[in-house]
Amino acid sequence: RYAGLRGKYDFMAEIEGTFEQAAAASMVATSSGAISDFTILEDIDLNEVAKTAQKMASNYKEPGK
């Protein structure tokens, strides 16, 4: 899916795949000269991030303590 945008970016392409696939697409598109600024915005599950942070916080020790 392609969409025109207002603001910093002119357009976007929404694709599904791994981060590695998106990075490869970036390398190909920018090396061809077709695109000069390729930004990857990865969708994440904030609930999973919060769960992981909660687990990490229980074992976290401040430096020097």
C-alpha atoms as a PDB file:
ATOM      1  CA  ARG A   1       0.000   0.000   0.000  1.00  0.00           C
ATOM      2  CA  TYR A   2       1.310   3.444  -0.912  1.00  0.00           C
ATOM      3  CA  ALA A   3       0.142   6.683   0.689  1.00  0.00           C
ATOM      4  CA  GLY A   4       0.967  10.360   0.186  1.00  0.00           C
ATOM      5  CA  LEU A   5       1.885  12.193   3.370  1.00  0.00           C
ATOM      6  CA  ARG A   6       2.060  15.752   4.635  1.00  0.00           C
ATOM      7  CA  GLY A   7       5.049  16.822   6.664  1.00  0.00           C
ATOM      8  CA  LYS A   8       8.609  15.511   6.654  1.00  0.00           C
ATOM      9  CA  TYR A   9       7.897  12.517   4.407  1.00  0.00           C
ATOM     10  CA  ASP A  10       6.475  12.714   0.875  1.00  0.00           C
ATOM     11  CA  PHE A  11       5.077   9.189   0.707  1.00  0.00           C
ATOM     12  CA  MET A  12       5.210   5.825   2.408  1.00  0.00           C
ATOM     13  CA  ALA A  13       4.969   2.210   1.429  1.00  0.00           C
ATOM     14  CA  GLU A  14       3.484  -0.191   3.946  1.00  0.00           C
ATOM     15  CA  ILE A  15       4.921  -3.671   3.602  1.00  0.00           C
ATOM     16  CA  GLU A  16       4.998  -6.843   5.647  1.00  0.00           C
ATOM     17  CA  GLY A  17       8.164  -8.791   6.287  1.00  0.00           C
ATOM     18  CA  THR A  18      11.121  -9.016   8.601  1.00  0.00           C
ATOM     19  CA  PHE A  19      13.365  -6.128   9.556  1.00  0.00           C
ATOM     20  CA  GLU A  20      16.111  -7.776   7.515  1.00  0.00           C
ATOM     21  CA  GLN A  21      13.895  -7.744   4.429  1.00  0.00           C
ATOM     22  CA  ALA A  22      13.082  -4.058   4.956  1.00  0.00           C
ATOM     23  CA  ALA A  23      16.779  -3.264   5.396  1.00  0.00           C
ATOM     24  CA  ALA A  24      17.572  -5.115   2.163  1.00  0.00           C
ATOM     25  CA  ALA A  25      14.853  -3.154   0.343  1.00  0.00           C
ATOM     26  CA  SER A  26      16.408   0.052   1.696  1.00  0.00           C
ATOM     27  CA  MET A  27      19.841  -0.938   0.413  1.00  0.00           C
ATOM     28  CA  VAL A  28      18.503  -1.732  -3.060  1.00  0.00           C
ATOM     29  CA  ALA A  29      16.319   1.378  -3.374  1.00  0.00           C
ATOM     30  CA  THR A  30      18.937   3.846  -2.150  1.00  0.00           C
ATOM     31  CA  SER A  31      21.833   2.286  -4.088  1.00  0.00           C
ATOM     32  CA  SER A  32      19.798   2.545  -7.296  1.00  0.00           C
ATOM     33  CA  GLY A  33      19.323   6.278  -6.760  1.00  0.00           C
ATOM     34  CA  ALA A  34      15.531   5.923  -6.971  1.00  0.00           C
ATOM     35  CA  ILE A  35      15.148   7.017  -3.337  1.00  0.00           C
ATOM     36  CA  SER A  36      17.462   9.276  -1.372  1.00  0.00           C
ATOM     37  CA  ASP A  37      16.021   8.880   2.139  1.00  0.00           C
ATOM     38  CA  PHE A  38      14.601   5.513   3.197  1.00  0.00           C
ATOM     39  CA  THR A  39      13.353   5.268   6.773  1.00  0.00           C
ATOM     40  CA  ILE A  40      12.171   2.005   8.327  1.00  0.00           C
ATOM     41  CA  LEU A  41       9.468   2.368  10.965  1.00  0.00           C
ATOM     42  CA  GLU A  42       8.836  -0.954  12.650  1.00  0.00           C
ATOM     43  CA  ASP A  43       5.492  -1.754  14.253  1.00  0.00           C
ATOM     44  CA  ILE A  44       5.850  -3.105  17.803  1.00  0.00           C
ATOM     45  CA  ASP A  45       3.502  -4.487  20.450  1.00  0.00           C
ATOM     46  CA  LEU A  46       3.669  -2.015  23.357  1.00  0.00           C
ATOM     47  CA  ASN A  47       2.114  -4.568  25.710  1.00  0.00           C
ATOM     48  CA  GLU A  48       5.017  -6.953  25.041  1.00  0.00           C
ATOM     49  CA  VAL A  49       7.501  -4.121  25.569  1.00  0.00           C
ATOM     50  CA  ALA A  50       5.873  -3.308  28.933  1.00  0.00           C
ATOM     51  CA  LYS A  51       5.978  -6.977  30.006  1.00  0.00           C
ATOM     52  CA  THR A  52       9.656  -7.228  29.139  1.00  0.00           C
ATOM     53  CA  ALA A  53      10.419  -3.946  30.935  1.00  0.00           C
ATOM     54  CA  GLN A  54       8.616  -5.190  34.040  1.00  0.00           C
ATOM     55  CA  LYS A  55      10.707  -8.383  34.065  1.00  0.00           C
ATOM     56  CA  MET A  56      13.924  -6.399  33.552  1.00  0.00           C
ATOM     57  CA  ALA A  57      13.049  -3.892  36.274  1.00  0.00           C
ATOM     58  CA  SER A  58      12.797  -6.658  38.877  1.00  0.00           C
ATOM     59  CA  ASN A  59      16.486  -7.583  38.306  1.00  0.00           C
ATOM     60  CA  TYR A  60      17.897  -4.135  37.552  1.00  0.00           C
ATOM     61  CA  LYS A  61      20.683  -2.810  39.755  1.00  0.00           C
ATOM     62  CA  GLU A  62      21.842   0.772  39.452  1.00  0.00           C
ATOM     63  CA  PRO A  63      25.515   1.225  38.574  1.00  0.00           C
ATOM     64  CA  GLY A  64      27.635   1.325  41.702  1.00  0.00           C
ATOM     65  CA  LYS A  65      25.007  -0.310  43.916  1.00  0.00           C
END
